[in-house]
Amino acid sequence: MKPFQVGGPITSGLNRAFGNKEPWQVAAITATTVLGTVWLWTFINQDESLFVRGKRQFFRLVKKLPAVRRKIDAEISKAKRDFESEISKSCNDLSWSLKLPANGLSRDEILQLVDKHLNIGHYNWREGRVSGAVYGFKADLVELNTEVYGKTSYTNPLHPDIFPGVCKMEAEVVRMACTLFHGDANSCGTMTTGGTESILMACKAYRDYALETRNVRRPNMIVPKTVHAAFDKAAQYFKIHVIYVDVDPKTLEVDVQAVKRAINSNTILLVGSAPNFPYGTIDDIEAIAALGLKYDIPVHVDACLGSFVVALTREAGYKIKPFDFAINGVTSISADTHKYGFAPKGSSIILYSDQKYLNHQFTVTTDWPGGVYGSPTVNGSRAGGIIAACWATMMSFGHEGYLEATKRIVDTSRYIEAAIRKVDGVFVFGKPATSVVAIGSKVFDIFRLSDALCKLGWNLNALQFPSGIHICVTDMHTQPGVADKFIADFKASVAEIMKDPGQPVEGKMAIYGMAQSIPDRSVVGDVTRAFLNSMYFTPPKN
């Protein structure tokens, strides 16, 4: 019988390979092999695929070629000049203040200048000519909020001992909103400056919660492709990887099975929209919440756009999918009080089902020489006037006031949707849930319709991937005659386009189609930055 041997061909091969090596060489080779294997494993198993990273690196290298770089720089410079020229033209009738006036202006002089600044622009938003942007405007409410804001404009809830009444107002805004979204006694939250900050705060809270409870150090969140861009902003700020999931091409609701497949040990958050911004459809929140419960992952519902309208649509007599705290598994909701809450711009709410999540939203500094510092949101000092104005608006409307507004808005949305569906050459994306009606065409370039309506004084939102436009119906559109005028102009514009449907879009709207065709999205980003910079344009000093 042969003697027992440890190992086999592999062991023998290793012994021969290392037989003539010094001990330090064996140790060095072993360490290098282990570290190299770890590096390779880490490189391959990143959140982004090798293809995505390779594509980005390819475009990064191509842009370093002198000819390509010159072409890109020339196009961006041209775009910058065009943006600045547009702003300069719109401000032709105004003088520019490039330094402080030698002496302060009088009250009347300042108010006259304010009126002049507010009267420039191409769109009459007071007559309901714009999509979204301004969600309500009533003279008596403006008068009320002007007085309320004036009384509270210099208050700061960062100092609750000095301004306890403003803090009470914020607490009441949060509690009233929790009740509206079917939160129980454990529900809680804060006000923020807008939907983006509400979303940022939720992402920050869940990142920190996952780090503390599960030691997750490479967090990701799973979101529909239709989710608001604020989640991408949060990802950039807080180093959270975003896993985008496709939506059903017909319903435009997130593919829940794809959400399930995307979940891994680093997932800190599942997200659904109620409704989403592009198409106004509501994701299957019940199914997403069930996944959250199964895998013990928080679920956030973005209701920023829907706000109080989506909260009251069912009570107003319309069918709508459940989406709020009435669903077990929903752990937070963002909603904008400055949209369908009709409060002045600069107010939103972020709500949680339990204080354990809210506690991770807070930022606390304990060892600062200035004292212990705690802040509930991004801002330290906050505008007490905005909080008070939001509170005053909610107290002024009351439940019945918001319910009546919801009926007006959803009625008008359904009226416009029904009329559009009867027009040949266009279609409506999905089934709008509340106030957004998105439109596309398989016959002509939809941006031609956007351009035609723009020339008639209508400002609609442009969509991409696929191309589309949408109208977000607000209380402004419920004014007598506004919806009928829009429908008439819509039908006339489509009829004119259908005379020559193959004609390409021209002018400013052509940019939207062109931007979608650029494979290197960083170039689109550079042009966007040029636009953002142009918003701060002032002419050079003489």
Protein backbone atom coordinates (compact mmCIF):
# COMPACT_ATOMS: atom_id res chain seq x y z
CA MET A 1 0.00 0.00 0.00
CA LYS A 2 1.29 3.51 -0.93
CA PRO A 3 2.10 5.88 1.94
CA PHE A 4 -0.50 8.61 2.67
CA GLN A 5 0.27 11.86 0.81
CA VAL A 6 -0.94 15.34 1.73
CA GLY A 7 -2.08 17.48 -1.22
CA GLY A 8 -1.70 16.56 -4.85
CA PRO A 9 -0.54 18.03 -8.16
CA ILE A 10 -1.32 21.61 -7.07
CA THR A 11 0.59 21.27 -3.81
CA SER A 12 3.50 19.61 -5.59
CA GLY A 13 3.55 22.36 -8.19
CA LEU A 14 3.59 25.07 -5.53
CA ASN A 15 6.39 23.31 -3.68
CA ARG A 16 8.48 23.13 -6.86
CA ALA A 17 7.75 26.80 -7.70
CA PHE A 18 8.79 28.03 -4.28
CA GLY A 19 11.51 25.43 -3.62
CA ASN A 20 14.39 27.72 -4.53
CA LYS A 21 12.91 30.89 -2.98
CA GLU A 22 14.14 32.64 0.10
CA PRO A 23 11.55 32.97 2.96
CA TRP A 24 11.24 36.71 2.40
CA GLN A 25 10.52 36.10 -1.30
CA VAL A 26 7.79 33.59 -0.44
CA ALA A 27 6.23 36.08 1.98
CA ALA A 28 6.43 38.92 -0.59
CA ILE A 29 4.90 36.84 -3.37
CA THR A 30 2.13 35.64 -1.05
CA ALA A 31 1.31 39.17 0.15
CA THR A 32 1.37 40.55 -3.40
CA THR A 33 -0.90 37.76 -4.64
CA VAL A 34 -3.40 38.27 -1.81
CA LEU A 35 -3.47 42.05 -2.18
CA GLY A 36 -3.73 41.79 -5.96
CA THR A 37 -6.62 39.34 -5.69
CA VAL A 38 -8.43 41.64 -3.23
CA TRP A 39 -7.87 44.63 -5.52
CA LEU A 40 -9.14 42.73 -8.56
CA TRP A 41 -12.21 41.50 -6.66
CA THR A 42 -12.95 45.03 -5.44
CA PHE A 43 -12.42 46.47 -8.93
CA ILE A 44 -14.79 43.99 -10.55
CA ASN A 45 -17.44 43.97 -7.81
CA GLN A 46 -18.31 47.67 -7.70
CA ASP A 47 -21.79 49.13 -7.78
CA GLU A 48 -21.25 50.32 -11.34
CA SER A 49 -20.62 47.70 -14.01
CA LEU A 50 -17.33 47.39 -15.88
CA PHE A 51 -19.16 48.51 -19.03
CA VAL A 52 -20.39 51.77 -17.46
CA ARG A 53 -16.99 52.55 -15.98
CA GLY A 54 -15.25 51.63 -19.22
CA LYS A 55 -17.59 53.83 -21.24
CA ARG A 56 -16.96 56.78 -18.92
CA GLN A 57 -13.20 56.30 -19.10
CA PHE A 58 -13.35 56.04 -22.91
CA PHE A 59 -15.16 59.37 -23.25
CA ARG A 60 -12.82 60.94 -20.69
CA LEU A 61 -9.80 59.94 -22.80
CA VAL A 62 -11.42 60.97 -26.09
CA LYS A 63 -12.12 64.45 -24.71
CA LYS A 64 -8.40 64.88 -24.06
CA LEU A 65 -7.68 64.73 -27.78
CA PRO A 66 -6.87 68.34 -28.86
CA ALA A 67 -9.28 68.38 -31.80
CA VAL A 68 -12.15 66.98 -29.77
CA ARG A 69 -11.43 69.28 -26.83
CA ARG A 70 -11.39 72.35 -29.10
CA LYS A 71 -14.71 71.36 -30.67
CA ILE A 72 -16.37 70.78 -27.29
CA ASP A 73 -14.99 74.03 -25.83
CA ALA A 74 -16.22 75.94 -28.87
CA GLU A 75 -19.73 74.52 -28.57
CA ILE A 76 -19.92 75.19 -24.84
CA SER A 77 -18.66 78.75 -25.34
CA LYS A 78 -21.32 79.29 -28.00
CA ALA A 79 -24.01 77.92 -25.69
CA LYS A 80 -22.80 80.21 -22.90
CA ARG A 81 -22.97 83.25 -25.19
CA ASP A 82 -26.46 82.26 -26.33
CA PHE A 83 -27.67 81.85 -22.74
CA GLU A 84 -26.23 85.20 -21.69
CA SER A 85 -27.63 86.91 -24.78
CA GLU A 86 -31.10 85.60 -23.96
CA ILE A 87 -30.88 86.94 -20.41
CA SER A 88 -29.52 90.26 -21.59
CA LYS A 89 -32.40 90.66 -24.07
CA SER A 90 -35.01 89.86 -21.42
CA CYS A 91 -33.54 92.57 -19.18
CA ASN A 92 -33.19 95.23 -21.89
CA ASP A 93 -35.52 97.66 -20.14
CA LEU A 94 -33.74 97.40 -16.79
CA SER A 95 -30.56 98.98 -15.52
CA TRP A 96 -27.95 96.79 -13.80
CA SER A 97 -26.72 97.41 -10.28
CA LEU A 98 -23.08 96.31 -10.22
CA LYS A 99 -22.23 97.94 -6.90
CA LEU A 100 -24.09 99.24 -3.88
CA PRO A 101 -25.90 102.53 -4.51
CA ALA A 102 -24.04 105.48 -3.00
CA ASN A 103 -27.16 106.29 -1.01
CA GLY A 104 -30.00 103.97 -0.10
CA LEU A 105 -33.09 104.08 -2.31
CA SER A 106 -36.46 105.17 -1.00
CA ARG A 107 -39.32 102.80 -0.36
CA ASP A 108 -41.19 103.93 -3.48
CA GLU A 109 -38.09 103.63 -5.67
CA ILE A 110 -37.46 100.08 -4.46
CA LEU A 111 -41.07 99.00 -4.99
CA GLN A 112 -41.07 100.47 -8.50
CA LEU A 113 -37.93 98.48 -9.33
CA VAL A 114 -39.47 95.31 -7.91
CA ASP A 115 -42.53 95.75 -10.14
CA LYS A 116 -40.31 96.27 -13.19
CA HIS A 117 -38.36 93.08 -12.44
CA LEU A 118 -41.56 91.08 -12.02
CA ASN A 119 -43.00 92.33 -15.31
CA ILE A 120 -40.23 90.98 -17.55
CA GLY A 121 -40.61 87.49 -19.02
CA HIS A 122 -42.67 85.91 -21.78
CA TYR A 123 -45.28 83.92 -19.86
CA ASN A 124 -48.34 85.12 -17.98
CA TRP A 125 -48.35 82.69 -15.05
CA ARG A 126 -51.21 84.53 -13.34
CA GLU A 127 -53.47 83.47 -16.22
CA GLY A 128 -52.49 79.80 -15.89
CA ARG A 129 -50.16 79.74 -18.91
CA VAL A 130 -47.42 77.66 -17.29
CA SER A 131 -47.08 74.03 -16.26
CA GLY A 132 -46.58 73.77 -12.50
CA ALA A 133 -44.22 76.48 -11.17
CA VAL A 134 -46.99 78.49 -9.46
CA TYR A 135 -49.63 76.25 -7.88
CA GLY A 136 -52.04 78.83 -6.53
CA PHE A 137 -52.39 82.59 -6.31
CA LYS A 138 -55.25 84.33 -4.56
CA ALA A 139 -55.15 88.00 -3.65
CA ASP A 140 -56.60 87.52 -0.16
CA LEU A 141 -54.12 84.74 0.66
CA VAL A 142 -51.23 86.86 -0.62
CA GLU A 143 -52.40 89.71 1.57
CA LEU A 144 -52.65 87.40 4.60
CA ASN A 145 -49.20 85.88 4.05
CA THR A 146 -47.64 89.26 3.40
CA GLU A 147 -48.82 90.40 6.81
CA VAL A 148 -47.89 87.12 8.53
CA TYR A 149 -44.45 87.06 6.95
CA GLY A 150 -43.90 90.70 7.84
CA LYS A 151 -44.60 89.96 11.51
CA THR A 152 -42.29 86.93 11.55
CA SER A 153 -39.68 87.77 8.91
CA TYR A 154 -36.84 88.19 11.40
CA THR A 155 -37.64 85.20 13.60
CA ASN A 156 -35.32 82.20 13.68
CA PRO A 157 -36.38 78.81 15.11
CA LEU A 158 -32.70 77.92 15.57
CA HIS A 159 -33.31 79.70 18.88
CA PRO A 160 -36.40 77.96 20.30
CA ASP A 161 -36.03 79.71 23.65
CA ILE A 162 -36.40 83.07 21.89
CA PHE A 163 -39.07 82.07 19.36
CA PRO A 164 -41.07 79.21 20.95
CA GLY A 165 -44.24 80.25 19.10
CA VAL A 166 -42.64 79.73 15.69
CA CYS A 167 -41.42 76.30 16.81
CA LYS A 168 -44.98 75.49 17.87
CA MET A 169 -46.23 76.49 14.42
CA GLU A 170 -43.73 74.14 12.75
CA ALA A 171 -44.72 71.30 15.07
CA GLU A 172 -48.37 71.85 14.16
CA VAL A 173 -47.62 71.91 10.42
CA VAL A 174 -45.85 68.57 10.79
CA ARG A 175 -48.62 67.02 12.92
CA MET A 176 -51.39 68.20 10.59
CA ALA A 177 -49.48 66.72 7.64
CA CYS A 178 -48.90 63.43 9.50
CA THR A 179 -52.66 63.21 10.09
CA LEU A 180 -53.39 63.96 6.43
CA PHE A 181 -51.06 61.14 5.34
CA HIS A 182 -52.54 58.68 7.88
CA GLY A 183 -49.62 58.68 10.27
CA ASP A 184 -50.16 57.31 13.77
CA ALA A 185 -49.01 58.77 17.10
CA ASN A 186 -45.43 57.67 16.38
CA SER A 187 -45.21 59.57 13.10
CA CYS A 188 -43.03 62.67 13.12
CA GLY A 189 -40.95 64.93 10.89
CA THR A 190 -39.70 68.41 10.15
CA MET A 191 -40.27 71.23 7.72
CA THR A 192 -37.64 71.93 5.05
CA THR A 193 -37.06 74.57 2.38
CA GLY A 194 -38.38 72.43 -0.47
CA GLY A 195 -38.83 68.96 -1.89
CA THR A 196 -35.16 68.56 -2.72
CA GLU A 197 -34.13 69.20 0.88
CA SER A 198 -36.85 66.83 2.12
CA ILE A 199 -35.46 64.08 -0.10
CA LEU A 200 -31.88 64.89 0.89
CA MET A 201 -32.81 64.62 4.55
CA ALA A 202 -34.47 61.22 4.08
CA CYS A 203 -31.44 59.84 2.23
CA LYS A 204 -29.07 61.19 4.87
CA ALA A 205 -31.19 59.71 7.65
CA TYR A 206 -31.29 56.24 6.10
CA ARG A 207 -27.59 56.27 5.24
CA ASP A 208 -26.71 56.99 8.87
CA TYR A 209 -29.34 54.56 10.17
CA ALA A 210 -27.92 51.73 8.06
CA LEU A 211 -24.37 52.57 9.13
CA GLU A 212 -25.32 52.40 12.81
CA THR A 213 -27.65 49.39 12.76
CA ARG A 214 -26.07 47.27 10.00
CA ASN A 215 -22.60 48.78 9.53
CA VAL A 216 -23.32 49.41 5.83
CA ARG A 217 -20.35 51.33 4.41
CA ARG A 218 -21.11 51.17 0.69
CA PRO A 219 -24.80 52.13 0.72
CA ASN A 220 -27.10 51.99 -2.27
CA MET A 221 -30.73 52.91 -2.82
CA ILE A 222 -33.07 51.39 -5.37
CA VAL A 223 -35.26 53.87 -7.24
CA PRO A 224 -37.42 53.95 -10.39
CA LYS A 225 -35.90 55.65 -13.43
CA THR A 226 -38.77 58.12 -13.20
CA VAL A 227 -37.89 59.19 -9.65
CA HIS A 228 -37.06 62.86 -9.05
CA ALA A 229 -33.52 64.03 -9.80
CA ALA A 230 -33.19 65.10 -6.15
CA PHE A 231 -32.32 61.48 -5.32
CA ASP A 232 -29.33 61.72 -7.64
CA LYS A 233 -28.37 64.96 -5.92
CA ALA A 234 -28.60 63.21 -2.55
CA ALA A 235 -26.43 60.40 -3.89
CA GLN A 236 -23.77 62.91 -4.95
CA TYR A 237 -23.85 64.70 -1.61
CA PHE A 238 -23.89 61.64 0.64
CA LYS A 239 -21.97 59.07 -1.45
CA ILE A 240 -24.88 56.71 -1.95
CA HIS A 241 -24.92 54.58 -5.09
CA VAL A 242 -28.19 54.79 -7.02
CA ILE A 243 -29.57 51.62 -8.62
CA TYR A 244 -32.10 52.72 -11.25
CA VAL A 245 -34.88 50.28 -12.11
CA ASP A 246 -36.86 50.36 -15.36
CA VAL A 247 -40.55 51.14 -15.47
CA ASP A 248 -43.20 49.27 -17.40
CA PRO A 249 -43.38 50.93 -20.85
CA LYS A 250 -47.19 50.94 -20.80
CA THR A 251 -48.12 51.76 -17.22
CA LEU A 252 -44.92 53.74 -16.52
CA GLU A 253 -44.89 52.27 -13.02
CA VAL A 254 -41.72 50.75 -11.58
CA ASP A 255 -41.05 47.06 -12.27
CA VAL A 256 -41.37 45.64 -8.75
CA GLN A 257 -39.73 42.34 -9.67
CA ALA A 258 -36.72 44.26 -10.95
CA VAL A 259 -36.63 46.11 -7.62
CA LYS A 260 -36.56 42.76 -5.84
CA ARG A 261 -33.71 41.47 -8.01
CA ALA A 262 -31.67 44.62 -7.33
CA ILE A 263 -31.76 44.32 -3.53
CA ASN A 264 -28.47 43.36 -1.89
CA SER A 265 -26.80 43.58 1.52
CA ASN A 266 -25.83 47.24 0.91
CA THR A 267 -29.35 48.44 0.09
CA ILE A 268 -30.43 51.08 2.59
CA LEU A 269 -33.60 52.40 0.91
CA LEU A 270 -36.37 51.52 -1.54
CA VAL A 271 -38.20 54.40 -3.21
CA GLY A 272 -41.50 54.87 -5.00
CA SER A 273 -43.23 57.98 -6.38
CA ALA A 274 -46.78 59.15 -5.74
CA PRO A 275 -46.91 60.47 -8.39
CA ASN A 276 -43.69 60.75 -10.41
CA PHE A 277 -42.76 64.04 -12.07
CA PRO A 278 -42.48 63.02 -15.76
CA TYR A 279 -45.75 61.13 -16.25
CA GLY A 280 -47.85 61.62 -13.12
CA THR A 281 -48.27 57.88 -12.51
CA ILE A 282 -48.06 56.23 -9.07
CA ASP A 283 -45.75 53.30 -8.41
CA ASP A 284 -47.07 50.16 -6.69
CA ILE A 285 -46.23 51.34 -3.18
CA GLU A 286 -47.93 48.37 -1.53
CA ALA A 287 -45.66 45.93 -3.38
CA ILE A 288 -42.55 48.00 -2.67
CA ALA A 289 -43.49 48.23 1.02
CA ALA A 290 -43.94 44.45 1.13
CA LEU A 291 -40.37 44.08 -0.12
CA GLY A 292 -39.23 46.55 2.51
CA LEU A 293 -40.82 44.47 5.25
CA LYS A 294 -39.47 41.20 3.87
CA TYR A 295 -35.88 42.42 3.65
CA ASP A 296 -36.04 44.89 6.56
CA ILE A 297 -35.31 47.93 4.36
CA PRO A 298 -36.94 51.36 4.82
CA VAL A 299 -39.32 52.55 2.11
CA HIS A 300 -39.64 56.21 1.12
CA VAL A 301 -42.59 57.60 -0.84
CA ASP A 302 -41.87 60.78 -2.78
CA ALA A 303 -45.16 62.71 -2.78
CA CYS A 304 -43.49 66.10 -3.25
CA LEU A 305 -45.37 66.83 -6.46
CA GLY A 306 -48.65 65.28 -5.37
CA SER A 307 -48.59 67.03 -2.01
CA PHE A 308 -52.03 67.59 -0.48
CA VAL A 309 -53.83 66.78 -3.74
CA VAL A 310 -52.60 63.18 -3.82
CA ALA A 311 -53.46 62.90 -0.11
CA LEU A 312 -57.07 63.93 -0.76
CA THR A 313 -57.79 62.49 -4.22
CA ARG A 314 -59.60 59.43 -2.87
CA GLU A 315 -61.72 61.54 -0.52
CA ALA A 316 -62.51 63.79 -3.48
CA GLY A 317 -64.18 60.82 -5.15
CA TYR A 318 -61.47 59.47 -7.45
CA LYS A 319 -59.83 56.06 -7.51
CA ILE A 320 -56.17 56.14 -6.58
CA LYS A 321 -53.61 53.59 -5.42
CA PRO A 322 -52.83 53.58 -1.69
CA PHE A 323 -49.43 55.09 -1.01
CA ASP A 324 -49.10 56.63 2.47
CA PHE A 325 -48.55 55.58 6.11
CA ALA A 326 -51.73 53.48 5.96
CA ILE A 327 -49.49 50.91 4.24
CA ASN A 328 -47.38 48.87 6.64
CA GLY A 329 -43.77 49.22 5.55
CA VAL A 330 -43.84 52.84 4.38
CA THR A 331 -41.33 54.58 6.62
CA SER A 332 -41.20 58.13 5.22
CA ILE A 333 -43.00 60.55 2.92
CA SER A 334 -41.82 63.81 1.36
CA ALA A 335 -44.48 66.36 0.34
CA ASP A 336 -44.25 69.98 -0.74
CA THR A 337 -46.47 72.42 1.10
CA HIS A 338 -45.42 75.09 -1.40
CA LYS A 339 -47.03 73.09 -4.22
CA TYR A 340 -50.57 71.87 -3.57
CA GLY A 341 -50.41 73.11 0.01
CA PHE A 342 -50.43 76.57 -1.68
CA ALA A 343 -47.94 78.02 0.83
CA PRO A 344 -45.31 80.53 -0.33
CA LYS A 345 -42.22 79.08 -1.99
CA GLY A 346 -39.62 77.64 0.35
CA SER A 347 -41.59 75.13 2.40
CA SER A 348 -41.87 71.35 2.35
CA ILE A 349 -42.18 68.51 4.85
CA ILE A 350 -40.36 65.25 5.46
CA LEU A 351 -42.34 62.78 7.56
CA TYR A 352 -41.27 59.50 9.19
CA SER A 353 -43.23 56.61 10.64
CA ASP A 354 -40.93 56.43 13.66
CA GLN A 355 -38.59 58.74 15.53
CA LYS A 356 -35.69 56.31 15.17
CA TYR A 357 -35.38 57.41 11.54
CA LEU A 358 -35.84 61.12 12.26
CA ASN A 359 -33.07 61.00 14.87
CA HIS A 360 -30.62 60.07 12.12
CA GLN A 361 -31.70 63.09 10.08
CA PHE A 362 -30.46 65.42 12.81
CA THR A 363 -26.89 66.69 12.84
CA VAL A 364 -25.33 67.08 16.29
CA THR A 365 -21.94 68.54 17.20
CA THR A 366 -21.04 68.05 20.87
CA ASP A 367 -17.45 69.32 21.24
CA TRP A 368 -17.58 72.75 19.62
CA PRO A 369 -16.23 75.61 21.78
CA GLY A 370 -19.39 77.52 20.88
CA GLY A 371 -21.48 74.98 22.76
CA VAL A 372 -23.46 71.87 21.90
CA TYR A 373 -24.97 72.39 18.44
CA GLY A 374 -27.93 70.53 17.03
CA SER A 375 -29.73 71.12 13.74
CA PRO A 376 -32.77 69.26 12.36
CA THR A 377 -32.19 70.00 8.66
CA VAL A 378 -29.49 71.30 6.29
CA ASN A 379 -29.92 74.88 7.45
CA GLY A 380 -28.83 76.22 10.80
CA SER A 381 -30.72 79.47 10.91
CA ARG A 382 -34.11 79.04 9.29
CA ALA A 383 -36.70 81.48 8.01
CA GLY A 384 -39.38 81.69 10.67
CA GLY A 385 -41.44 83.78 8.27
CA ILE A 386 -41.78 80.88 5.82
CA ILE A 387 -42.82 78.51 8.60
CA ALA A 388 -45.43 80.98 9.84
CA ALA A 389 -46.73 81.66 6.32
CA CYS A 390 -47.08 77.91 5.65
CA TRP A 391 -48.91 77.47 8.95
CA ALA A 392 -51.18 80.43 8.16
CA THR A 393 -51.97 79.02 4.71
CA MET A 394 -52.94 75.63 6.13
CA MET A 395 -55.06 77.22 8.83
CA SER A 396 -56.72 79.44 6.22
CA PHE A 397 -57.62 76.60 3.82
CA GLY A 398 -58.60 73.98 6.34
CA HIS A 399 -59.51 70.45 5.34
CA GLU A 400 -62.57 71.48 3.30
CA GLY A 401 -60.64 74.16 1.46
CA TYR A 402 -57.98 71.70 0.36
CA LEU A 403 -60.60 69.10 -0.54
CA GLU A 404 -62.44 71.56 -2.79
CA ALA A 405 -59.16 72.59 -4.43
CA THR A 406 -58.33 68.92 -5.05
CA LYS A 407 -61.69 68.39 -6.75
CA ARG A 408 -61.12 71.43 -9.00
CA ILE A 409 -57.61 70.39 -9.95
CA VAL A 410 -58.29 66.69 -10.61
CA ASP A 411 -61.51 67.54 -12.48
CA THR A 412 -59.57 69.92 -14.74
CA SER A 413 -56.76 67.40 -15.24
CA ARG A 414 -59.19 64.66 -16.27
CA TYR A 415 -60.97 67.12 -18.58
CA ILE A 416 -57.72 68.04 -20.35
CA GLU A 417 -56.60 64.40 -20.50
CA ALA A 418 -59.87 63.28 -22.07
CA ALA A 419 -59.65 66.01 -24.71
CA ILE A 420 -56.02 65.17 -25.59
CA ARG A 421 -56.80 61.46 -25.98
CA LYS A 422 -59.26 62.37 -28.76
CA VAL A 423 -56.63 64.20 -30.84
CA ASP A 424 -55.07 62.18 -33.68
CA GLY A 425 -51.29 62.12 -33.82
CA VAL A 426 -50.60 62.27 -30.09
CA PHE A 427 -50.98 59.96 -27.09
CA VAL A 428 -51.00 60.23 -23.30
CA PHE A 429 -48.30 58.42 -21.37
CA GLY A 430 -49.75 55.87 -18.93
CA LYS A 431 -52.72 56.72 -16.74
CA PRO A 432 -52.27 60.04 -14.91
CA ALA A 433 -53.20 59.70 -11.23
CA THR A 434 -53.76 63.30 -10.20
CA SER A 435 -52.60 66.45 -11.97
CA VAL A 436 -49.85 65.65 -14.52
CA VAL A 437 -50.73 64.80 -18.13
CA ALA A 438 -47.75 63.73 -20.25
CA ILE A 439 -47.99 63.73 -24.04
CA GLY A 440 -45.98 62.05 -26.80
CA SER A 441 -46.28 61.37 -30.51
CA LYS A 442 -45.29 58.54 -32.83
CA VAL A 443 -46.10 60.65 -35.88
CA PHE A 444 -44.10 63.87 -35.44
CA ASP A 445 -41.39 65.33 -33.23
CA ILE A 446 -43.27 66.23 -30.05
CA PHE A 447 -40.96 69.19 -29.45
CA ARG A 448 -42.55 70.84 -32.50
CA LEU A 449 -45.80 70.88 -30.50
CA SER A 450 -44.01 72.32 -27.49
CA ASP A 451 -42.55 75.05 -29.70
CA ALA A 452 -45.93 75.83 -31.25
CA LEU A 453 -47.61 76.12 -27.84
CA CYS A 454 -44.72 78.23 -26.59
CA LYS A 455 -45.35 80.72 -29.38
CA LEU A 456 -48.98 80.87 -28.25
CA GLY A 457 -47.89 81.73 -24.71
CA TRP A 458 -47.94 78.27 -23.08
CA ASN A 459 -44.93 76.97 -21.14
CA LEU A 460 -44.86 73.17 -20.81
CA ASN A 461 -42.20 70.84 -19.41
CA ALA A 462 -39.96 68.90 -21.81
CA LEU A 463 -39.27 65.20 -21.13
CA GLN A 464 -36.59 62.88 -22.49
CA PHE A 465 -35.93 59.14 -22.92
CA PRO A 466 -38.45 59.06 -24.59
CA SER A 467 -39.24 62.53 -25.89
CA GLY A 468 -42.38 64.03 -24.46
CA ILE A 469 -43.96 67.08 -22.86
CA HIS A 470 -46.28 67.43 -19.94
CA ILE A 471 -48.66 69.88 -18.38
CA CYS A 472 -48.86 69.95 -14.60
CA VAL A 473 -52.33 71.25 -13.80
CA THR A 474 -52.53 73.67 -10.88
CA ASP A 475 -55.26 75.75 -9.31
CA MET A 476 -54.34 78.44 -11.84
CA HIS A 477 -55.67 76.22 -14.64
CA THR A 478 -59.04 75.84 -12.93
CA GLN A 479 -59.89 79.49 -13.58
CA PRO A 480 -62.80 79.92 -16.04
CA GLY A 481 -61.79 79.42 -19.67
CA VAL A 482 -58.13 78.47 -19.10
CA ALA A 483 -58.48 74.72 -19.76
CA ASP A 484 -60.70 75.33 -22.80
CA LYS A 485 -58.20 77.81 -24.23
CA PHE A 486 -55.36 75.33 -23.74
CA ILE A 487 -57.31 72.53 -25.42
CA ALA A 488 -58.23 74.79 -28.37
CA ASP A 489 -54.63 75.91 -28.86
CA PHE A 490 -53.43 72.31 -28.46
CA LYS A 491 -55.81 71.01 -31.14
CA ALA A 492 -55.00 73.85 -33.54
CA SER A 493 -51.24 73.34 -33.10
CA VAL A 494 -51.45 69.59 -33.71
CA ALA A 495 -53.64 70.11 -36.78
CA GLU A 496 -51.08 72.50 -38.25
CA ILE A 497 -48.17 70.13 -37.52
CA MET A 498 -50.03 67.17 -39.06
CA LYS A 499 -50.04 68.99 -42.42
CA ASP A 500 -46.32 68.14 -42.60
CA PRO A 501 -45.55 65.72 -39.75
CA GLY A 502 -42.08 64.78 -41.02
CA GLN A 503 -40.67 68.28 -40.70
CA PRO A 504 -37.84 68.46 -38.13
CA VAL A 505 -38.05 70.68 -35.08
CA GLU A 506 -36.12 73.95 -35.32
CA GLY A 507 -34.91 76.67 -33.00
CA LYS A 508 -34.53 76.38 -29.25
CA MET A 509 -36.62 73.22 -28.91
CA ALA A 510 -34.25 71.34 -31.23
CA ILE A 511 -31.73 71.38 -28.38
CA TYR A 512 -33.85 68.90 -26.39
CA GLY A 513 -33.82 66.30 -29.12
CA MET A 514 -30.13 66.84 -29.84
CA ALA A 515 -29.19 66.52 -26.16
CA GLN A 516 -30.73 63.03 -26.01
CA SER A 517 -28.59 61.85 -28.92
CA ILE A 518 -25.25 62.74 -27.33
CA PRO A 519 -23.73 59.50 -25.98
CA ASP A 520 -21.28 61.26 -23.66
CA ARG A 521 -23.66 62.64 -21.03
CA SER A 522 -20.85 64.64 -19.42
CA VAL A 523 -20.99 67.00 -22.43
CA VAL A 524 -24.68 67.61 -21.71
CA GLY A 525 -23.64 68.26 -18.12
CA ASP A 526 -21.08 70.85 -19.25
CA VAL A 527 -23.74 72.69 -21.27
CA THR A 528 -26.08 72.57 -18.26
CA ARG A 529 -23.37 74.11 -16.09
CA ALA A 530 -22.97 76.85 -18.68
CA PHE A 531 -26.69 77.54 -18.38
CA LEU A 532 -26.55 77.62 -14.59
CA ASN A 533 -23.63 80.04 -14.73
CA SER A 534 -25.56 82.27 -17.11
CA MET A 535 -28.26 82.71 -14.44
CA TYR A 536 -25.72 84.84 -12.55
CA PHE A 537 -24.79 86.90 -15.59
CA THR A 538 -24.22 90.63 -15.20
CA PRO A 539 -22.72 92.79 -17.94
CA PRO A 540 -19.11 93.90 -17.54
CA LYS A 541 -18.43 97.26 -15.97
CA ASN A 542 -18.14 100.16 -18.38
